[in-house]
Amino acid sequence: MPRPQRKKRLPASTQLNTESNGRRLMAIPELLTLIIDGLDAQEQRKLMRVSKHFFGFIGPIAWKSIPRLDVIMRLIKNANIKLSQSWAPYKYQFVTTFPSRTRSKPDLSRYDIYAPWVQELEIYGGYYQEIADSNSFLTLLGGRPPLPNLRRLTAYTIAPIDGQDLMDFFNMFISPSLTELRTIIPNEGLPQISGCSVPPLSVPKFLEKIQKTCPQIHVLEFYPEDRYASNRSQRYIPSNESRSILSSFLNLRSFSSTTYTLESAIFSILGQLPHLESLGIRGSPVERSVLDKQLSIPETWFPVLKELRLYDVDPEDIQVLWNQPNIAKKLTSLLIQADDTAQRYENDSRLRGTNWLHPFLEALPGLSPLIQDVVLYMGSLDSRIEIPRHHWKYLGRDGDIYYAFHDYRAAMYSHKSGWCTCRDRPVVNHYPLCVKAESHGLSLS
């Protein structure tokens, strides 16, 4: 019986050459970048442990964007991150505390390596975050920015966040490198109990902090708290100081806030910002119209505006906006979130009991011929749903908008149940140009 041949061992010099070639291969930046791009953040951070070369190369990529505050806080030795769970929709709660005893003083040596890599920070990540003694953290930093190269700071959560706590986080992380600051509210809305709003009295100092610290701010999104009583809202009114500061943001590309932006003084300021491309306005189902019905804006206003995002804005204000050719004819993108109830209308209102939305959608091609992207949400509170363009035909019922939305939901239920034999039209990327805006009372004149 023949003996099995032993596997020949490569000479030591050959092994060294193979390992050396492997190291040289992995040292090619383009190849390593290609490998890293195929991994998620957790896998990227594991790969950092392979070698010093990997650590230095992958670190700025893996730690560029941080999904929650506690992730970066865990880098501080002796900091305590307490995680608790609840039955609330936001479920997880993260509370960071720092020990007061001298012998367990927090150590920033590891944090200081990673912090310069962070360019994007989401504070809440949809949950609840708290630093029990934020002054201790700031004292440890000795006046340095916590994240010196931070460019994007966002806050998104459905947890009931106190407005002052939100301001404390913003004040902590605002730095000269920042270009984007946002409190994010999803398109489908938030529960009524949610906060994540800026206290009105804090707005002037908040804007002043941005003005003095962030000379290159491009994106700003914040929502001052509004008061609600007797089924009516008390709209926030900005101070003269806030108006003056807002007018100084000449590099602003995108701005989103509440319906005070439609007040004449603020609307004029926004219209004269030379680089403003995107404007978002968030109202509530109980708010009445704000814009002057006789509004006629100068041709020099909104020179580069391309995108409008309107959340629960009164239909009368929407009509006034589309009666401004200088706005309507430039738009390429639109988002509308419409409430299907009539809470904002008195019994004698001309819009009560009417379906204003379908005629507007039909008139849109004539009013905004450059528009390419339209997103429509309907519903109330936190039960918004997106209605695809090829389903708009189901919103054509005359009468109250509530019944038009009911028809849409009934049609969708019939489709899912197999009761309906009609076929939906295919999704198209353009509008039929034969529709005349004037036939729906939405003339540009």
Protein backbone atom coordinates (compact mmCIF):
# COMPACT_ATOMS: atom_id res chain seq x y z
CA MET A 1 0.00 0.00 0.00
CA PRO A 2 1.61 3.29 -1.07
CA ARG A 3 2.44 5.77 1.63
CA PRO A 4 0.53 9.04 1.57
CA GLN A 5 2.76 11.80 0.37
CA ARG A 6 3.59 14.43 2.93
CA LYS A 7 2.64 17.94 2.03
CA LYS A 8 5.71 19.90 1.18
CA ARG A 9 6.33 22.84 3.45
CA LEU A 10 7.15 26.06 1.68
CA PRO A 11 10.56 27.46 2.36
CA ALA A 12 10.66 30.14 5.05
CA SER A 13 11.62 32.75 2.48
CA THR A 14 8.55 31.90 0.39
CA GLN A 15 6.26 32.18 3.43
CA LEU A 16 7.72 35.56 4.29
CA ASN A 17 7.26 36.73 0.70
CA THR A 18 3.62 35.56 0.72
CA GLU A 19 2.88 37.37 3.99
CA SER A 20 4.71 40.44 2.75
CA ASN A 21 2.74 40.41 -0.50
CA GLY A 22 -0.49 40.05 1.49
CA ARG A 23 0.40 43.04 3.62
CA ARG A 24 1.28 45.06 0.54
CA LEU A 25 -1.99 44.05 -1.09
CA MET A 26 -4.05 45.10 1.93
CA ALA A 27 -2.10 48.34 2.09
CA ILE A 28 -3.63 49.43 -1.22
CA PRO A 29 -6.12 52.14 -0.11
CA GLU A 30 -8.57 51.52 -2.95
CA LEU A 31 -8.80 47.79 -2.21
CA LEU A 32 -9.19 48.29 1.52
CA THR A 33 -11.86 50.93 0.93
CA LEU A 34 -13.75 48.51 -1.33
CA ILE A 35 -13.68 45.86 1.40
CA ILE A 36 -14.76 48.30 4.11
CA ASP A 37 -17.69 49.60 2.06
CA GLY A 38 -19.16 46.10 2.01
CA LEU A 39 -19.26 45.89 5.81
CA ASP A 40 -21.67 47.42 8.32
CA ALA A 41 -20.38 49.71 11.09
CA GLN A 42 -20.04 46.93 13.66
CA GLU A 43 -18.02 44.75 11.28
CA GLN A 44 -15.83 47.70 10.35
CA ARG A 45 -15.03 48.34 14.01
CA LYS A 46 -14.09 44.67 14.50
CA LEU A 47 -11.74 44.88 11.53
CA MET A 48 -9.94 47.79 13.19
CA ARG A 49 -8.45 45.29 15.69
CA VAL A 50 -6.45 43.43 13.02
CA SER A 51 -3.47 45.79 12.94
CA LYS A 52 -2.34 49.35 13.58
CA HIS A 53 -2.59 50.00 9.86
CA PHE A 54 -6.20 48.83 9.79
CA PHE A 55 -6.98 50.79 12.93
CA GLY A 56 -5.67 54.04 11.50
CA PHE A 57 -7.20 53.53 8.07
CA ILE A 58 -10.64 52.19 9.05
CA GLY A 59 -11.18 54.31 12.17
CA PRO A 60 -12.20 57.56 10.40
CA ILE A 61 -14.63 55.58 8.22
CA ALA A 62 -16.17 53.35 10.90
CA TRP A 63 -16.59 56.22 13.37
CA LYS A 64 -17.65 58.92 10.93
CA SER A 65 -21.35 58.54 11.79
CA ILE A 66 -22.54 57.70 15.32
CA PRO A 67 -26.17 56.47 15.66
CA ARG A 68 -26.66 57.26 19.39
CA LEU A 69 -24.97 59.34 22.07
CA ASP A 70 -24.27 56.36 24.36
CA VAL A 71 -22.04 54.80 21.66
CA ILE A 72 -19.49 57.60 21.97
CA MET A 73 -19.93 57.88 25.75
CA ARG A 74 -18.85 54.24 26.17
CA LEU A 75 -15.36 55.26 25.07
CA ILE A 76 -14.86 57.12 28.37
CA LYS A 77 -13.27 54.84 30.93
CA ASN A 78 -15.23 54.69 34.23
CA ALA A 79 -18.31 56.34 32.70
CA ASN A 80 -21.43 54.37 33.59
CA ILE A 81 -24.03 53.78 30.87
CA LYS A 82 -27.26 52.53 32.43
CA LEU A 83 -29.69 50.83 30.06
CA SER A 84 -33.29 50.30 31.10
CA GLN A 85 -36.34 49.08 29.21
CA SER A 86 -39.97 50.15 29.34
CA TRP A 87 -43.25 49.43 27.59
CA ALA A 88 -43.18 52.89 26.01
CA PRO A 89 -42.85 53.06 22.20
CA TYR A 90 -39.25 54.25 22.51
CA LYS A 91 -38.53 51.19 24.74
CA TYR A 92 -34.86 51.78 25.63
CA GLN A 93 -33.50 54.50 27.91
CA PHE A 94 -29.78 55.30 28.15
CA VAL A 95 -28.50 57.34 31.11
CA THR A 96 -24.81 58.26 31.34
CA THR A 97 -23.33 59.08 34.75
CA PHE A 98 -19.80 59.96 35.83
CA PRO A 99 -18.37 58.81 39.17
CA SER A 100 -17.64 61.47 41.77
CA ARG A 101 -14.91 59.51 43.58
CA THR A 102 -11.35 60.60 42.84
CA ARG A 103 -9.95 57.07 42.54
CA SER A 104 -12.31 56.25 39.67
CA LYS A 105 -12.01 59.51 37.79
CA PRO A 106 -13.16 59.20 34.16
CA ASP A 107 -10.33 58.74 31.67
CA LEU A 108 -10.63 60.42 28.25
CA SER A 109 -7.49 58.94 26.68
CA ARG A 110 -9.44 56.49 24.47
CA TYR A 111 -12.24 58.97 23.81
CA ASP A 112 -9.70 61.54 22.58
CA ILE A 113 -8.49 59.11 19.89
CA TYR A 114 -11.95 58.44 18.47
CA ALA A 115 -13.68 61.83 18.94
CA PRO A 116 -11.89 63.64 16.06
CA TRP A 117 -13.16 60.96 13.65
CA VAL A 118 -16.83 61.69 14.37
CA GLN A 119 -18.48 63.93 11.76
CA GLU A 120 -22.14 62.98 12.27
CA LEU A 121 -23.96 62.42 15.56
CA GLU A 122 -27.59 61.44 16.11
CA ILE A 123 -28.21 62.18 19.80
CA TYR A 124 -31.21 59.99 20.59
CA GLY A 125 -31.36 57.39 17.84
CA GLY A 126 -35.12 57.06 18.41
CA TYR A 127 -34.75 56.38 22.14
CA TYR A 128 -34.21 58.36 25.35
CA GLN A 129 -30.75 59.69 26.22
CA GLU A 130 -29.57 61.56 29.27
CA ILE A 131 -26.27 62.67 30.79
CA ALA A 132 -27.02 62.83 34.49
CA ASP A 133 -24.35 65.46 35.19
CA SER A 134 -23.39 67.10 31.93
CA ASN A 135 -21.20 69.65 33.75
CA SER A 136 -18.87 66.82 34.80
CA PHE A 137 -18.41 65.85 31.16
CA LEU A 138 -17.75 69.44 30.09
CA THR A 139 -15.29 69.91 32.96
CA LEU A 140 -13.38 66.83 31.81
CA LEU A 141 -13.07 68.36 28.35
CA GLY A 142 -11.56 71.55 29.74
CA GLY A 143 -13.32 73.86 27.29
CA ARG A 144 -12.63 71.74 24.19
CA PRO A 145 -15.46 70.84 21.80
CA PRO A 146 -16.61 67.28 22.58
CA LEU A 147 -16.46 66.38 18.86
CA PRO A 148 -14.10 68.88 17.18
CA ASN A 149 -14.86 67.86 13.58
CA LEU A 150 -18.62 67.38 13.90
CA ARG A 151 -20.48 68.49 10.77
CA ARG A 152 -23.97 67.03 11.24
CA LEU A 153 -25.92 67.05 14.53
CA THR A 154 -29.44 65.59 14.61
CA ALA A 155 -32.05 64.72 17.23
CA TYR A 156 -34.73 62.14 16.49
CA THR A 157 -36.86 60.35 19.06
CA ILE A 158 -40.46 59.56 19.91
CA ALA A 159 -39.63 59.79 23.62
CA PRO A 160 -41.13 62.77 25.52
CA ILE A 161 -37.97 64.89 25.64
CA ASP A 162 -37.94 68.07 27.69
CA GLY A 163 -37.14 71.07 25.52
CA GLN A 164 -34.43 72.32 27.85
CA ASP A 165 -32.71 68.92 27.84
CA LEU A 166 -32.64 69.11 24.05
CA MET A 167 -31.10 72.59 24.25
CA ASP A 168 -28.45 71.36 26.69
CA PHE A 169 -27.40 68.68 24.21
CA PHE A 170 -27.32 71.14 21.31
CA ASN A 171 -25.29 73.67 23.30
CA MET A 172 -22.89 70.90 24.30
CA PHE A 173 -22.15 69.68 20.77
CA ILE A 174 -22.47 72.80 18.61
CA SER A 175 -18.99 73.51 17.25
CA PRO A 176 -17.40 75.71 14.53
CA SER A 177 -17.23 72.79 12.09
CA LEU A 178 -21.02 72.24 12.14
CA THR A 179 -22.90 72.69 8.85
CA GLU A 180 -26.16 70.83 9.63
CA LEU A 181 -28.35 70.97 12.75
CA ARG A 182 -31.76 69.25 12.76
CA THR A 183 -34.53 68.04 15.01
CA ILE A 184 -35.99 65.33 12.80
CA ILE A 185 -39.69 64.53 12.73
CA PRO A 186 -40.64 61.61 10.46
CA ASN A 187 -43.06 62.19 7.59
CA GLU A 188 -45.70 59.99 9.21
CA GLY A 189 -45.76 62.27 12.26
CA LEU A 190 -45.16 61.80 15.98
CA PRO A 191 -47.31 60.88 18.97
CA GLN A 192 -48.91 63.89 20.66
CA ILE A 193 -46.90 63.34 23.84
CA SER A 194 -43.60 63.80 22.06
CA GLY A 195 -41.37 66.75 22.72
CA CYS A 196 -38.14 67.36 20.80
CA SER A 197 -39.16 71.02 20.48
CA VAL A 198 -37.27 74.18 21.33
CA PRO A 199 -38.72 76.26 24.21
CA PRO A 200 -39.75 79.64 22.73
CA LEU A 201 -37.73 81.59 25.30
CA SER A 202 -34.62 79.62 24.30
CA VAL A 203 -34.85 80.40 20.57
CA PRO A 204 -32.91 83.74 20.59
CA LYS A 205 -29.94 82.30 22.51
CA PHE A 206 -30.08 79.13 20.42
CA LEU A 207 -29.88 81.10 17.16
CA GLU A 208 -27.22 83.39 18.61
CA LYS A 209 -25.10 80.36 19.55
CA ILE A 210 -25.34 79.08 15.97
CA GLN A 211 -24.58 82.52 14.53
CA LYS A 212 -21.43 82.98 16.63
CA THR A 213 -20.18 79.39 16.50
CA CYS A 214 -21.18 77.96 13.09
CA PRO A 215 -20.26 80.37 10.26
CA GLN A 216 -20.88 77.69 7.61
CA ILE A 217 -24.32 76.45 8.73
CA HIS A 218 -26.14 75.11 5.64
CA VAL A 219 -29.07 73.12 7.05
CA LEU A 220 -31.18 74.25 10.01
CA GLU A 221 -34.32 72.51 11.26
CA PHE A 222 -35.95 73.24 14.60
CA TYR A 223 -39.51 73.50 15.92
CA PRO A 224 -40.45 75.98 18.66
CA GLU A 225 -43.09 74.73 21.07
CA ASP A 226 -46.63 75.84 20.26
CA ARG A 227 -49.40 75.96 22.83
CA TYR A 228 -52.73 74.28 22.22
CA ALA A 229 -55.95 75.21 23.95
CA SER A 230 -59.64 74.99 23.13
CA ASN A 231 -58.89 73.15 19.89
CA ARG A 232 -56.82 76.10 18.65
CA SER A 233 -53.08 76.66 18.63
CA GLN A 234 -51.20 79.70 19.85
CA ARG A 235 -48.53 80.24 17.24
CA TYR A 236 -44.96 81.02 18.23
CA ILE A 237 -43.93 84.56 17.29
CA PRO A 238 -40.17 85.16 16.90
CA SER A 239 -38.56 88.14 18.60
CA ASN A 240 -36.87 90.96 16.70
CA GLU A 241 -33.54 89.53 17.82
CA SER A 242 -34.37 86.14 16.32
CA ARG A 243 -35.44 87.74 13.05
CA SER A 244 -32.21 89.70 12.82
CA ILE A 245 -30.09 86.61 13.43
CA LEU A 246 -32.04 84.54 10.92
CA SER A 247 -31.43 87.15 8.23
CA SER A 248 -27.67 86.77 8.78
CA PHE A 249 -27.62 83.08 7.76
CA LEU A 250 -26.59 83.86 4.20
CA ASN A 251 -25.11 80.39 3.57
CA LEU A 252 -28.32 78.57 4.50
CA ARG A 253 -29.39 75.95 1.92
CA SER A 254 -32.27 74.34 3.79
CA PHE A 255 -34.56 75.66 6.55
CA SER A 256 -37.43 73.90 8.31
CA SER A 257 -39.62 75.15 11.14
CA THR A 258 -43.24 75.85 12.11
CA THR A 259 -45.82 78.11 10.46
CA TYR A 260 -44.36 81.31 11.90
CA THR A 261 -42.18 81.13 8.78
CA LEU A 262 -45.25 82.22 6.80
CA GLU A 263 -45.61 85.44 8.80
CA SER A 264 -44.81 88.40 6.54
CA ALA A 265 -41.60 89.47 8.30
CA ILE A 266 -40.04 85.98 8.42
CA PHE A 267 -41.23 85.02 4.93
CA SER A 268 -39.52 88.15 3.62
CA ILE A 269 -36.27 87.23 5.39
CA LEU A 270 -36.31 83.70 4.00
CA GLY A 271 -37.11 84.97 0.51
CA GLN A 272 -33.95 87.06 0.52
CA LEU A 273 -31.55 84.30 1.57
CA PRO A 274 -29.51 83.86 -1.64
CA HIS A 275 -28.80 80.11 -1.41
CA LEU A 276 -32.02 78.72 0.09
CA GLU A 277 -32.99 75.67 -1.98
CA SER A 278 -35.31 73.78 0.39
CA LEU A 279 -38.03 75.07 2.73
CA GLY A 280 -40.03 72.95 5.18
CA ILE A 281 -43.09 74.25 7.07
CA ARG A 282 -44.81 72.24 9.80
CA GLY A 283 -48.29 73.19 11.01
CA SER A 284 -50.97 71.37 12.96
CA PRO A 285 -54.52 70.22 12.13
CA VAL A 286 -55.99 73.02 14.26
CA GLU A 287 -54.04 75.95 12.80
CA ARG A 288 -55.67 78.51 10.55
CA SER A 289 -54.08 80.17 7.53
CA VAL A 290 -51.19 82.58 8.02
CA LEU A 291 -50.26 84.03 4.64
CA ASP A 292 -51.75 87.28 3.41
CA LYS A 293 -54.30 86.37 0.72
CA GLN A 294 -53.12 89.35 -1.35
CA LEU A 295 -49.47 88.31 -1.16
CA SER A 296 -47.38 89.12 -4.20
CA ILE A 297 -43.69 88.44 -3.76
CA PRO A 298 -40.95 90.25 -5.71
CA GLU A 299 -39.19 88.42 -8.53
CA THR A 300 -35.91 88.59 -6.60
CA TRP A 301 -37.19 86.44 -3.72
CA PHE A 302 -36.36 82.73 -3.42
CA PRO A 303 -33.92 82.82 -6.35
CA VAL A 304 -32.89 79.13 -6.09
CA LEU A 305 -35.80 77.51 -4.21
CA LYS A 306 -36.46 74.01 -5.60
CA GLU A 307 -38.12 72.03 -2.81
CA LEU A 308 -41.15 72.63 -0.57
CA ARG A 309 -42.19 70.36 2.31
CA LEU A 310 -45.59 71.22 3.78
CA TYR A 311 -46.82 69.36 6.88
CA ASP A 312 -50.41 70.12 7.94
CA VAL A 313 -50.27 73.57 6.39
CA ASP A 314 -53.67 75.20 5.86
CA PRO A 315 -54.91 74.62 2.27
CA GLU A 316 -55.57 78.34 1.91
CA ASP A 317 -51.87 78.98 2.51
CA ILE A 318 -51.00 76.30 -0.04
CA GLN A 319 -53.20 78.05 -2.59
CA VAL A 320 -51.54 81.41 -1.86
CA LEU A 321 -48.10 79.85 -2.32
CA TRP A 322 -49.06 78.41 -5.71
CA ASN A 323 -50.42 81.77 -6.75
CA GLN A 324 -46.81 83.02 -6.64
CA PRO A 325 -45.24 82.17 -10.02
CA ASN A 326 -41.80 82.99 -8.64
CA ILE A 327 -42.17 80.02 -6.27
CA ALA A 328 -44.43 77.57 -8.10
CA LYS A 329 -42.68 77.58 -11.46
CA LYS A 330 -39.23 76.85 -9.98
CA LEU A 331 -40.17 73.84 -7.86
CA THR A 332 -38.82 70.41 -8.74
CA SER A 333 -39.79 68.58 -5.52
CA LEU A 334 -42.83 68.70 -3.23
CA LEU A 335 -43.96 66.91 -0.08
CA ILE A 336 -47.48 67.42 1.27
CA GLN A 337 -48.82 65.97 4.50
CA ALA A 338 -52.57 66.50 4.74
CA ASP A 339 -54.88 65.84 7.66
CA ASP A 340 -58.11 64.12 6.66
CA THR A 341 -60.16 65.85 9.38
CA ALA A 342 -61.66 69.33 9.38
CA GLN A 343 -60.65 70.47 12.86
CA ARG A 344 -59.23 73.78 11.64
CA TYR A 345 -62.40 74.95 9.87
CA GLU A 346 -65.37 76.77 11.33
CA ASN A 347 -68.83 75.73 10.15
CA ASP A 348 -69.02 78.72 7.82
CA SER A 349 -65.59 78.14 6.24
CA ARG A 350 -65.63 77.68 2.46
CA LEU A 351 -63.21 74.75 2.82
CA ARG A 352 -65.26 72.87 5.38
CA GLY A 353 -66.82 69.83 3.75
CA THR A 354 -64.77 70.18 0.56
CA ASN A 355 -62.14 68.02 -1.09
CA TRP A 356 -59.46 70.60 -1.86
CA LEU A 357 -56.62 68.10 -2.36
CA HIS A 358 -57.65 66.29 -5.55
CA PRO A 359 -58.23 69.47 -7.61
CA PHE A 360 -54.88 70.78 -6.39
CA LEU A 361 -53.06 67.61 -7.46
CA GLU A 362 -54.73 67.76 -10.87
CA ALA A 363 -53.76 71.42 -11.26
CA LEU A 364 -50.16 70.90 -10.15
CA PRO A 365 -48.62 70.16 -13.59
CA GLY A 366 -49.77 73.49 -14.94
CA LEU A 367 -48.73 75.39 -11.84
CA SER A 368 -45.31 73.75 -11.45
CA PRO A 369 -44.18 72.44 -14.85
CA LEU A 370 -40.65 71.56 -13.62
CA ILE A 371 -41.79 69.40 -10.74
CA GLN A 372 -40.54 65.81 -10.85
CA ASP A 373 -40.92 64.37 -7.36
CA VAL A 374 -44.15 64.58 -5.33
CA VAL A 375 -44.73 62.74 -2.05
CA LEU A 376 -48.19 62.73 -0.45
CA TYR A 377 -49.02 61.66 3.11
CA MET A 378 -52.53 61.56 4.55
CA GLY A 379 -54.04 60.65 7.89
CA SER A 380 -53.96 62.15 11.36
CA LEU A 381 -51.55 62.31 14.29
CA ASP A 382 -49.09 59.41 14.10
CA SER A 383 -51.11 57.30 11.64
CA ARG A 384 -49.97 58.92 8.40
CA ILE A 385 -49.66 56.79 5.31
CA GLU A 386 -48.04 57.58 1.99
CA ILE A 387 -50.34 57.54 -1.03
CA PRO A 388 -48.46 56.61 -4.23
CA ARG A 389 -49.03 58.77 -7.26
CA HIS A 390 -50.78 56.01 -9.19
CA HIS A 391 -53.40 55.83 -6.41
CA TRP A 392 -54.34 59.52 -6.43
CA LYS A 393 -57.31 58.67 -8.66
CA TYR A 394 -59.06 57.26 -5.58
CA LEU A 395 -59.06 60.72 -3.94
CA GLY A 396 -61.43 62.24 -6.49
CA ARG A 397 -64.66 62.02 -4.50
CA ASP A 398 -66.59 65.29 -4.12
CA GLY A 399 -67.37 66.55 -0.65
CA ASP A 400 -65.39 66.30 2.57
CA ILE A 401 -61.74 65.27 2.26
CA TYR A 402 -62.36 62.73 5.01
CA TYR A 403 -64.66 60.76 2.70
CA ALA A 404 -62.15 60.98 -0.16
CA PHE A 405 -59.49 59.46 2.11
CA HIS A 406 -62.02 56.85 3.24
CA ASP A 407 -62.61 55.91 -0.41
CA TYR A 408 -58.87 55.47 -0.90
CA ARG A 409 -58.55 53.17 2.12
CA ALA A 410 -61.60 51.19 1.01
CA ALA A 411 -60.13 50.76 -2.48
CA MET A 412 -56.82 49.55 -1.03
CA TYR A 413 -58.65 47.09 1.21
CA SER A 414 -60.58 45.79 -1.80
CA HIS A 415 -57.35 45.30 -3.75
CA LYS A 416 -55.74 43.35 -0.91
CA SER A 417 -58.86 41.23 -0.48
CA GLY A 418 -59.13 40.47 -4.19
CA TRP A 419 -62.60 42.02 -4.47
CA CYS A 420 -61.66 44.70 -6.97
CA THR A 421 -61.13 43.79 -10.62
CA CYS A 422 -59.87 47.17 -11.80
CA ARG A 423 -56.16 47.62 -12.47
CA ASP A 424 -54.04 50.44 -11.17
CA ARG A 425 -52.32 52.65 -13.65
CA PRO A 426 -48.57 52.12 -13.85
CA VAL A 427 -46.35 54.51 -11.92
CA VAL A 428 -45.22 57.34 -14.17
CA ASN A 429 -42.43 59.85 -13.73
CA HIS A 430 -44.27 62.83 -15.14
CA TYR A 431 -47.64 64.53 -15.04
CA PRO A 432 -50.17 64.78 -17.86
CA LEU A 433 -49.58 68.23 -19.27
CA CYS A 434 -53.11 68.65 -20.59
CA VAL A 435 -54.57 69.65 -17.20
CA LYS A 436 -55.40 73.34 -16.91
CA ALA A 437 -54.74 74.91 -13.52
CA GLU A 438 -57.28 77.66 -14.11
CA SER A 439 -60.14 75.15 -14.31
CA HIS A 440 -59.71 74.39 -10.61
CA GLY A 441 -59.65 77.93 -9.29
CA LEU A 442 -55.88 77.91 -8.73
CA SER A 443 -54.91 80.54 -11.27
CA LEU A 444 -51.43 82.02 -11.07
CA SER A 445 -52.78 85.49 -11.69
